[in-house]
Amino acid sequence: KLAECSIVWIISAINRGTTDEDPWEILKHCVYYMTQAGECKSINFIFTKTDDIDPEEYI
């Protein structure tokens, strides 16, 4: 349960974290549940495109 987590990682494959709405919606959801239970100590945003590759380039 999110309310019992001490650390939350928000992982998203996006180009710009400041303009994409999905991570911010997740953050709002996390903050809501954090205020209910108070267990969360850290929220981390991880933005990555490492799996966004063209396999033909690497074969």
Protein backbone atom coordinates (compact mmCIF):
# COMPACT_ATOMS: atom_id res chain seq x y z
CA LYS A 1 0.00 0.00 0.00
CA LEU A 2 1.24 3.45 -0.86
CA ALA A 3 0.29 4.79 2.55
CA GLU A 4 2.75 2.35 4.19
CA CYS A 5 5.74 3.05 1.89
CA SER A 6 8.72 4.95 3.24
CA ILE A 7 10.17 5.72 -0.22
CA VAL A 8 8.34 6.32 -3.52
CA TRP A 9 10.04 6.19 -6.93
CA ILE A 10 8.21 7.77 -9.86
CA ILE A 11 9.79 6.34 -13.02
CA SER A 12 8.77 7.77 -16.36
CA ALA A 13 10.04 7.57 -19.93
CA ILE A 14 9.56 11.20 -20.87
CA ASN A 15 11.67 13.90 -22.45
CA ARG A 16 10.94 16.76 -20.05
CA GLY A 17 9.85 16.16 -16.49
CA THR A 18 8.63 19.70 -15.99
CA THR A 19 6.10 19.66 -18.83
CA ASP A 20 4.68 16.12 -18.81
CA GLU A 21 1.56 15.92 -16.64
CA ASP A 22 1.69 12.21 -15.70
CA PRO A 23 4.53 12.44 -13.14
CA TRP A 24 2.90 15.45 -11.51
CA GLU A 25 -0.42 13.60 -11.20
CA ILE A 26 1.42 10.69 -9.56
CA LEU A 27 3.11 13.16 -7.20
CA LYS A 28 -0.25 14.68 -6.22
CA HIS A 29 -1.55 11.18 -5.49
CA CYS A 30 1.54 10.37 -3.38
CA VAL A 31 1.30 13.61 -1.41
CA TYR A 32 -2.36 12.92 -0.65
CA TYR A 33 -1.57 9.49 0.78
CA MET A 34 1.53 10.77 2.59
CA THR A 35 -0.55 13.27 4.51
CA GLN A 36 -2.98 10.52 5.53
CA ALA A 37 -0.41 8.17 7.10
CA GLY A 38 2.82 10.16 7.27
CA GLU A 39 5.07 7.17 6.48
CA CYS A 40 6.78 8.43 3.31
CA LYS A 41 10.19 10.00 3.85
CA SER A 42 11.33 10.43 0.24
CA ILE A 43 9.87 10.81 -3.27
CA ASN A 44 12.27 10.35 -6.20
CA PHE A 45 11.65 11.21 -9.86
CA ILE A 46 13.57 9.03 -12.31
CA PHE A 47 13.29 10.07 -15.96
CA THR A 48 14.83 7.65 -18.43
CA LYS A 49 14.86 6.79 -22.09
CA THR A 50 17.35 3.92 -21.81
CA ASP A 51 14.89 1.36 -23.14
CA ASP A 52 13.86 3.58 -26.06
CA ILE A 53 16.28 2.17 -28.65
CA ASP A 54 16.23 0.90 -32.21
CA PRO A 55 17.30 -2.77 -31.98
CA GLU A 56 18.64 -2.70 -35.55
CA GLU A 57 21.31 -0.21 -34.47
CA TYR A 58 22.68 -2.61 -31.87
CA ILE A 59 22.65 -5.90 -33.79
